[in-house]
Amino acid sequence: MHESAALSRCVGWLGWLGCVVGRPKHGFAVRVDTWVDRSFTNVRATLLDSGSGLPEYLNPRVYEPWVHGFCSDSASPGLPGADLYQRVVMLLGLDLALRKNAQPH
């Protein structure tokens, strides 16, 4: 189907919605740190403390600048803000899983 034919179908709310839903997705960044309360500000302490299992699997010299950049709301060299947020949230998830699995059952 030609682009003009597809656009002509987009009439009214439902037509427009169908066109948006049917288009290829390219993603978009969401700052998840804006969804949480003040307790989330302990990201630096959580990810960089001695109880974190991250250094067993990842090089701290790589991810520490991400954590500091995230916590100070500044860019990390060579890493756009949206990518910075994604990486820190992934680190938090990994850290949480490692801590949970390290606890005796």
Protein backbone atom coordinates (compact mmCIF):
# COMPACT_ATOMS: atom_id res chain seq x y z
CA MET A 1 0.00 0.00 0.00
CA HIS A 2 1.32 3.45 -0.87
CA GLU A 3 1.98 5.97 1.90
CA SER A 4 -0.70 8.32 0.51
CA ALA A 5 -3.30 5.53 0.53
CA ALA A 6 -2.40 4.67 4.11
CA LEU A 7 -2.69 8.31 5.14
CA SER A 8 -6.05 8.69 3.45
CA ARG A 9 -7.41 5.93 5.73
CA CYS A 10 -6.46 8.03 8.74
CA VAL A 11 -9.72 9.91 9.09
CA GLY A 12 -11.19 10.49 12.52
CA TRP A 13 -9.88 9.33 15.86
CA LEU A 14 -10.10 5.58 15.26
CA GLY A 15 -8.52 5.86 11.83
CA TRP A 16 -5.69 7.95 13.24
CA LEU A 17 -5.17 5.55 16.12
CA GLY A 18 -5.08 2.59 13.75
CA CYS A 19 -2.44 4.31 11.64
CA VAL A 20 -0.27 5.07 14.66
CA VAL A 21 -0.57 1.55 16.05
CA GLY A 22 0.17 -0.01 12.66
CA ARG A 23 3.38 1.95 12.05
CA PRO A 24 6.84 0.55 12.80
CA LYS A 25 8.07 1.34 16.30
CA HIS A 26 11.34 3.15 16.87
CA GLY A 27 11.08 3.52 20.64
CA PHE A 28 11.26 6.58 22.82
CA ALA A 29 12.91 7.48 26.07
CA VAL A 30 11.02 7.75 29.33
CA ARG A 31 12.71 9.15 32.41
CA VAL A 32 11.59 6.55 34.92
CA ASP A 33 13.33 8.42 37.73
CA THR A 34 10.44 10.91 37.55
CA TRP A 35 7.97 8.12 38.47
CA VAL A 36 9.45 7.34 41.87
CA ASP A 37 9.69 8.98 45.29
CA ARG A 38 12.69 10.39 47.17
CA SER A 39 13.89 6.96 48.34
CA PHE A 40 15.00 6.31 44.76
CA THR A 41 17.75 8.91 45.21
CA ASN A 42 19.89 6.28 46.95
CA VAL A 43 20.87 4.86 43.57
CA ARG A 44 24.53 5.80 44.08
CA ALA A 45 24.69 4.16 47.50
CA THR A 46 22.88 1.06 46.27
CA LEU A 47 24.92 0.44 43.13
CA LEU A 48 28.33 1.46 44.43
CA ASP A 49 28.31 0.02 47.95
CA SER A 50 30.31 -3.02 48.97
CA GLY A 51 27.17 -5.18 49.16
CA SER A 52 26.52 -4.91 45.45
CA GLY A 53 27.31 -7.97 43.37
CA LEU A 54 27.76 -5.92 40.20
CA PRO A 55 31.60 -5.85 40.32
CA GLU A 56 31.62 -9.66 40.11
CA TYR A 57 30.10 -9.43 36.63
CA LEU A 58 30.74 -5.90 35.34
CA ASN A 59 33.71 -3.55 35.33
CA PRO A 60 32.96 -0.74 37.82
CA ARG A 61 35.15 1.67 35.82
CA VAL A 62 32.58 1.38 33.04
CA TYR A 63 29.36 1.81 35.03
CA GLU A 64 30.44 4.14 37.87
CA PRO A 65 30.42 7.21 35.57
CA TRP A 66 26.88 6.25 34.51
CA VAL A 67 25.73 6.12 38.13
CA HIS A 68 27.39 9.43 39.02
CA GLY A 69 25.97 11.08 35.88
CA PHE A 70 22.50 9.76 36.64
CA CYS A 71 22.60 10.90 40.26
CA SER A 72 23.88 14.37 39.41
CA ASP A 73 21.51 14.71 36.43
CA SER A 74 24.43 15.34 34.11
CA ALA A 75 25.58 13.65 30.95
CA SER A 76 28.08 10.86 30.89
CA PRO A 77 30.79 11.21 28.20
CA GLY A 78 29.65 9.64 24.94
CA LEU A 79 26.30 8.56 26.36
CA PRO A 80 23.05 10.45 25.69
CA GLY A 81 20.74 11.01 28.66
CA ALA A 82 18.11 8.52 27.52
CA ASP A 83 20.72 5.77 27.22
CA LEU A 84 22.14 6.72 30.61
CA TYR A 85 18.75 6.28 32.29
CA GLN A 86 18.18 2.92 30.61
CA ARG A 87 21.56 1.60 31.71
CA VAL A 88 21.15 2.70 35.32
CA VAL A 89 17.70 1.14 35.57
CA MET A 90 19.11 -2.10 34.12
CA LEU A 91 21.94 -1.97 36.69
CA LEU A 92 19.37 -1.53 39.46
CA GLY A 93 17.44 -4.56 38.22
CA LEU A 94 20.59 -6.67 38.03
CA ASP A 95 21.73 -5.51 41.46
CA LEU A 96 18.35 -6.35 42.96
CA ALA A 97 18.39 -9.84 41.42
CA LEU A 98 21.95 -10.48 42.61
CA ARG A 99 21.12 -9.37 46.16
CA LYS A 100 17.97 -11.50 46.21
CA ASN A 101 19.82 -14.59 45.00
CA ALA A 102 22.66 -14.02 47.48
CA GLN A 103 20.28 -14.21 50.45
CA PRO A 104 19.90 -17.60 52.11
CA HIS A 105 16.53 -19.17 51.32
